[in-house]
Amino acid sequence: MPDTQAADRALLVDAARTAGELAASLFDRNVRSWDKSPGNPVSDADIAVDSFLKRRLIEARPDYGWLSEETADDAARRDRRRVWVVDPIDGTRDFLRGRSGWAVSIALVEDGVAVLGALAAPIRGQLFVATRGAGATLNNAPMAVSGRSALAGLSMPIDPQGLTAPFWPEPWDAVAVEKPNSLALRIAKVASGEADAFLEGRSISEWDIAAAALLLTEAGGTVSDRNGAALAFNRASPTVHGLVAATPALHAEVARRLGAGIAALSAVRREALNR
């Protein structure tokens, strides 16, 4: 690994760990919160962690760009080869409810590709780290996906009722496991072998998944948008059109089922509008 990447990795891991400690110090403290938009909460803790990370990372790497959920976007990041992609608290709802399903998420993106990633989930005692081409770890232990190839009995971080929703053209023979509010932690469950697949039909943001997607691929999994396209980061509009994360053997079928479900749901909505 080039010396610059080794130094960047050390910086990222230390920043993630320290940011997790800062967030944990504010956890369950009735911090002030408000909605940025309906159903999209933010708190003083999100802002404090964002400010800390921007100061720590940009002071150390002033030539890198910055993309964060809690910072006004600056188009100048598009001119930078390397960009920090940050969600200071992914899973703010769980944070505010006193639940453990949130994490600090940091990725370093180079030429549109995530090359370093870390998730700090301090209430769970978890620190996930990945380096492109060098694997992924959970608390310094190597991490790998389950390797499951059979669709029947697969596990997913999903609400149990989601498995039987009427828009699925085919029933799921699957097990619902814990679903943290953090999208990154749901993906990390697949990366660590706690789950076999995760799917999200809605459009999401780059900062939600940049670090976790690298964790998954470095743990041997496969990830794409809902249409099966490879992920790219630091785009002008930092939006990802859905997500499929799974073991390599399951990915194509999970993606197919998600596509069929979205098509069926869209047809129902069109029919309702035409009534």
Protein backbone atom coordinates (compact mmCIF):
# COMPACT_ATOMS: atom_id res chain seq x y z
CA MET A 1 0.00 0.00 0.00
CA PRO A 2 1.48 3.40 -0.94
CA ASP A 3 2.76 5.47 1.97
CA THR A 4 0.15 8.18 1.37
CA GLN A 5 -2.65 5.62 1.59
CA ALA A 6 -1.19 4.12 4.75
CA ALA A 7 -1.09 7.58 6.31
CA ASP A 8 -4.61 8.33 5.10
CA ARG A 9 -5.81 5.05 6.60
CA ALA A 10 -4.28 5.86 9.98
CA LEU A 11 -5.84 9.33 9.86
CA LEU A 12 -9.26 7.97 8.90
CA VAL A 13 -9.30 5.24 11.55
CA ASP A 14 -8.23 7.62 14.31
CA ALA A 15 -10.80 10.20 13.22
CA ALA A 16 -13.59 7.62 13.08
CA ARG A 17 -12.74 6.25 16.51
CA THR A 18 -12.52 9.71 18.09
CA ALA A 19 -15.71 10.89 16.37
CA GLY A 20 -17.47 7.79 17.69
CA GLU A 21 -16.32 8.67 21.20
CA LEU A 22 -17.60 12.23 20.76
CA ALA A 23 -20.97 11.00 19.52
CA ALA A 24 -21.18 8.49 22.37
CA SER A 25 -20.55 11.27 24.89
CA LEU A 26 -23.67 13.03 23.56
CA PHE A 27 -25.76 9.87 23.29
CA ASP A 28 -28.88 9.61 25.44
CA ARG A 29 -28.39 13.20 26.60
CA ASN A 30 -31.59 14.75 25.18
CA VAL A 31 -29.64 16.77 22.62
CA ARG A 32 -31.57 19.36 20.64
CA SER A 33 -32.99 18.01 17.38
CA TRP A 34 -35.14 19.21 14.50
CA ASP A 35 -36.25 18.07 11.04
CA LYS A 36 -34.25 19.26 8.02
CA SER A 37 -37.21 18.04 5.99
CA PRO A 38 -40.25 15.97 6.98
CA GLY A 39 -39.04 12.71 8.48
CA ASN A 40 -35.37 13.66 8.15
CA PRO A 41 -34.06 14.52 11.63
CA VAL A 42 -30.76 16.12 12.59
CA SER A 43 -29.38 17.01 16.00
CA ASP A 44 -26.72 19.09 17.69
CA ALA A 45 -24.75 15.84 17.97
CA ASP A 46 -24.72 15.41 14.16
CA ILE A 47 -23.45 18.96 13.77
CA ALA A 48 -20.80 18.59 16.47
CA VAL A 49 -19.42 15.37 14.98
CA ASP A 50 -19.48 16.85 11.48
CA SER A 51 -17.56 19.93 12.63
CA PHE A 52 -14.99 17.79 14.43
CA LEU A 53 -14.41 15.53 11.42
CA LYS A 54 -14.14 18.38 8.94
CA ARG A 55 -11.63 20.14 11.14
CA ARG A 56 -9.57 16.98 11.74
CA LEU A 57 -9.60 15.64 8.19
CA ILE A 58 -9.35 18.84 6.15
CA GLU A 59 -6.67 20.37 8.36
CA ALA A 60 -4.63 17.20 7.81
CA ARG A 61 -5.44 16.98 4.07
CA PRO A 62 -6.28 20.50 2.83
CA ASP A 63 -6.09 19.40 -0.81
CA TYR A 64 -8.84 16.80 -0.40
CA GLY A 65 -12.48 17.57 -1.10
CA TRP A 66 -15.37 17.26 1.34
CA LEU A 67 -18.88 15.80 0.97
CA SER A 68 -20.98 15.41 4.09
CA GLU A 69 -24.66 15.09 4.91
CA GLU A 70 -24.42 17.96 7.38
CA THR A 71 -22.30 20.44 5.39
CA ALA A 72 -23.55 22.60 2.52
CA ASP A 73 -22.27 21.03 -0.68
CA ASP A 74 -19.40 22.76 -2.45
CA ALA A 75 -19.05 22.01 -6.17
CA ALA A 76 -15.28 22.48 -5.82
CA ARG A 77 -15.09 18.89 -4.53
CA ARG A 78 -15.66 17.75 -8.12
CA ASP A 79 -12.25 19.13 -9.02
CA ARG A 80 -10.46 17.07 -6.35
CA ARG A 81 -9.09 13.59 -7.01
CA ARG A 82 -9.57 12.60 -3.37
CA VAL A 83 -12.68 13.42 -1.39
CA TRP A 84 -13.82 12.60 2.14
CA VAL A 85 -17.42 11.32 2.06
CA VAL A 86 -18.93 11.54 5.54
CA ASP A 87 -22.11 10.84 7.43
CA PRO A 88 -21.34 12.09 10.94
CA ILE A 89 -24.18 10.06 12.48
CA ASP A 90 -25.78 7.60 10.10
CA GLY A 91 -28.97 6.50 11.82
CA THR A 92 -29.91 9.71 13.62
CA ARG A 93 -33.36 8.35 14.50
CA ASP A 94 -31.85 5.49 16.50
CA PHE A 95 -29.39 7.92 18.10
CA LEU A 96 -32.24 10.16 19.26
CA ARG A 97 -34.31 7.21 20.48
CA GLY A 98 -31.49 5.87 22.64
CA ARG A 99 -30.92 2.85 20.40
CA SER A 100 -27.57 1.47 19.25
CA GLY A 101 -28.28 1.32 15.50
CA TRP A 102 -26.19 4.32 14.44
CA ALA A 103 -22.61 4.81 13.29
CA VAL A 104 -20.06 7.38 12.21
CA SER A 105 -19.33 6.70 8.54
CA ILE A 106 -16.23 7.97 6.71
CA ALA A 107 -14.92 7.02 3.28
CA LEU A 108 -12.05 8.32 1.22
CA VAL A 109 -12.94 8.37 -2.46
CA GLU A 110 -10.30 8.60 -5.17
CA ASP A 111 -11.33 9.24 -8.77
CA GLY A 112 -14.88 8.18 -7.97
CA VAL A 113 -13.91 4.93 -6.21
CA ALA A 114 -13.96 4.33 -2.45
CA VAL A 115 -10.44 3.32 -1.40
CA LEU A 116 -10.72 3.59 2.40
CA GLY A 117 -13.69 3.26 4.70
CA ALA A 118 -14.52 3.12 8.39
CA LEU A 119 -17.67 2.75 10.45
CA ALA A 120 -17.56 3.43 14.17
CA ALA A 121 -20.55 2.11 16.14
CA PRO A 122 -19.39 2.82 19.70
CA ILE A 123 -22.53 1.74 21.56
CA ARG A 124 -22.17 -1.64 19.86
CA GLY A 125 -18.42 -1.73 20.48
CA GLN A 126 -17.75 -2.06 16.75
CA LEU A 127 -15.13 -0.49 14.50
CA PHE A 128 -15.24 -1.62 10.87
CA VAL A 129 -12.33 -0.71 8.57
CA ALA A 130 -11.67 -1.49 4.91
CA THR A 131 -8.87 -0.74 2.47
CA ARG A 132 -9.37 -1.32 -1.23
CA GLY A 133 -7.46 -4.42 -2.24
CA ALA A 134 -6.46 -5.27 1.34
CA GLY A 135 -9.63 -6.64 2.96
CA ALA A 136 -11.97 -5.58 5.72
CA THR A 137 -11.88 -5.96 9.50
CA LEU A 138 -14.21 -5.76 12.46
CA ASN A 139 -12.34 -4.73 15.61
CA ASN A 140 -9.09 -5.68 13.85
CA ALA A 141 -10.26 -9.22 13.01
CA PRO A 142 -10.63 -10.18 9.32
CA MET A 143 -14.21 -10.11 8.11
CA ALA A 144 -15.97 -12.08 5.36
CA VAL A 145 -19.47 -12.48 3.96
CA SER A 146 -21.38 -15.66 4.72
CA GLY A 147 -20.80 -17.20 1.31
CA ARG A 148 -24.42 -18.35 1.19
CA SER A 149 -25.60 -19.49 -2.24
CA ALA A 150 -29.11 -20.85 -1.49
CA LEU A 151 -31.93 -18.33 -1.74
CA ALA A 152 -34.20 -20.32 0.58
CA GLY A 153 -33.61 -19.34 4.18
CA LEU A 154 -31.40 -16.33 3.48
CA SER A 155 -31.30 -13.64 6.17
CA MET A 156 -31.85 -9.92 5.60
CA PRO A 157 -31.94 -6.83 7.87
CA ILE A 158 -35.55 -5.99 7.12
CA ASP A 159 -38.80 -5.51 9.02
CA PRO A 160 -40.56 -8.91 9.10
CA GLN A 161 -43.65 -7.47 7.38
CA GLY A 162 -41.38 -6.37 4.53
CA LEU A 163 -40.88 -9.99 3.53
CA THR A 164 -44.60 -10.49 2.96
CA ALA A 165 -45.46 -7.13 1.38
CA PRO A 166 -48.01 -7.55 -1.44
CA PHE A 167 -45.81 -5.94 -4.08
CA TRP A 168 -43.37 -8.88 -4.15
CA PRO A 169 -44.31 -10.99 -7.21
CA GLU A 170 -42.72 -14.01 -5.54
CA PRO A 171 -42.74 -14.80 -1.81
CA TRP A 172 -39.48 -14.60 0.10
CA ASP A 173 -38.37 -17.73 1.95
CA ALA A 174 -36.15 -15.61 4.19
CA VAL A 175 -35.40 -14.70 7.78
CA ALA A 176 -35.67 -11.09 8.99
CA VAL A 177 -32.78 -10.11 11.27
CA GLU A 178 -32.21 -6.90 13.21
CA LYS A 179 -32.58 -3.78 11.07
CA PRO A 180 -30.57 -0.84 12.47
CA ASN A 181 -31.69 2.63 11.43
CA SER A 182 -28.22 3.10 9.89
CA LEU A 183 -28.09 1.96 6.27
CA ALA A 184 -24.34 1.54 6.66
CA LEU A 185 -24.78 -0.88 9.55
CA ARG A 186 -27.30 -2.92 7.55
CA ILE A 187 -24.69 -3.33 4.81
CA ALA A 188 -22.05 -4.10 7.44
CA LYS A 189 -24.25 -6.95 8.65
CA VAL A 190 -23.90 -8.54 5.22
CA ALA A 191 -20.17 -7.82 5.16
CA SER A 192 -19.66 -9.51 8.53
CA GLY A 193 -21.78 -12.56 7.68
CA GLU A 194 -24.59 -11.67 10.12
CA ALA A 195 -26.92 -11.38 7.12
CA ASP A 196 -26.79 -12.67 3.56
CA ALA A 197 -28.35 -9.78 1.63
CA PHE A 198 -29.71 -6.26 1.94
CA LEU A 199 -31.85 -4.34 -0.53
CA GLU A 200 -33.10 -0.77 -0.72
CA GLY A 201 -35.39 0.39 -3.48
CA ARG A 202 -35.39 4.11 -2.67
CA SER A 203 -32.75 6.54 -3.86
CA ILE A 204 -30.19 7.19 -1.14
CA SER A 205 -27.14 9.41 -0.70
CA GLU A 206 -23.48 8.67 -1.27
CA TRP A 207 -22.60 9.41 2.36
CA ASP A 208 -25.04 6.70 3.50
CA ILE A 209 -23.14 3.90 1.79
CA ALA A 210 -19.65 4.88 0.55
CA ALA A 211 -17.75 3.38 3.49
CA ALA A 212 -20.07 0.38 3.95
CA ALA A 213 -20.02 -0.54 0.25
CA LEU A 214 -16.22 -0.81 0.43
CA LEU A 215 -16.51 -2.95 3.57
CA LEU A 216 -18.81 -5.30 1.71
CA THR A 217 -16.69 -5.72 -1.41
CA GLU A 218 -13.51 -6.15 0.60
CA ALA A 219 -15.28 -8.82 2.67
CA GLY A 220 -16.03 -10.70 -0.56
CA GLY A 221 -19.55 -9.45 -1.26
CA THR A 222 -21.14 -7.83 -4.29
CA VAL A 223 -22.84 -4.44 -4.32
CA SER A 224 -24.63 -2.40 -6.99
CA ASP A 225 -27.42 0.09 -7.37
CA ARG A 226 -30.95 -1.28 -7.79
CA ASN A 227 -30.39 -1.61 -11.56
CA GLY A 228 -27.23 -3.66 -11.17
CA ALA A 229 -24.87 -0.81 -12.07
CA ALA A 230 -21.54 -0.36 -10.31
CA LEU A 231 -21.36 2.38 -7.69
CA ALA A 232 -19.48 5.62 -8.33
CA PHE A 233 -18.90 8.44 -5.86
CA ASN A 234 -18.25 12.18 -5.82
CA ARG A 235 -20.75 12.80 -8.57
CA ALA A 236 -22.35 16.16 -9.22
CA SER A 237 -25.59 14.86 -7.71
CA PRO A 238 -24.49 12.55 -4.88
CA THR A 239 -27.49 10.24 -5.17
CA VAL A 240 -27.50 6.46 -5.59
CA HIS A 241 -30.56 4.84 -7.13
CA GLY A 242 -31.25 2.10 -4.63
CA LEU A 243 -28.89 -0.62 -3.48
CA VAL A 244 -28.40 -4.37 -3.57
CA ALA A 245 -25.74 -5.87 -1.28
CA ALA A 246 -25.34 -9.63 -1.08
CA THR A 247 -23.09 -12.62 -1.31
CA PRO A 248 -21.86 -13.04 -4.90
CA ALA A 249 -24.08 -16.07 -5.52
CA LEU A 250 -27.24 -14.29 -4.35
CA HIS A 251 -26.71 -10.80 -5.74
CA ALA A 252 -28.24 -11.24 -9.21
CA GLU A 253 -31.41 -12.93 -7.92
CA VAL A 254 -31.90 -10.42 -5.10
CA ALA A 255 -31.47 -7.59 -7.62
CA ARG A 256 -33.97 -9.23 -9.99
CA ARG A 257 -36.53 -9.58 -7.22
CA LEU A 258 -36.05 -5.98 -6.13
CA GLY A 259 -36.57 -4.79 -9.71
CA ALA A 260 -39.73 -6.90 -10.03
CA GLY A 261 -41.04 -5.57 -6.73
CA ILE A 262 -40.44 -1.96 -7.73
CA ALA A 263 -42.16 -2.54 -11.07
CA ALA A 264 -45.16 -4.16 -9.38
CA LEU A 265 -45.46 -1.37 -6.83
CA SER A 266 -45.22 1.27 -9.56
CA ALA A 267 -47.99 -0.45 -11.51
CA VAL A 268 -50.26 -0.46 -8.44
CA ARG A 269 -49.62 3.25 -7.88
CA ARG A 270 -50.32 4.08 -11.53
CA GLU A 271 -53.57 2.14 -11.38
CA ALA A 272 -54.61 4.00 -8.23
CA LEU A 273 -53.90 7.37 -9.88
CA ASN A 274 -55.99 6.43 -12.92
CA ARG A 275 -59.06 5.49 -10.90
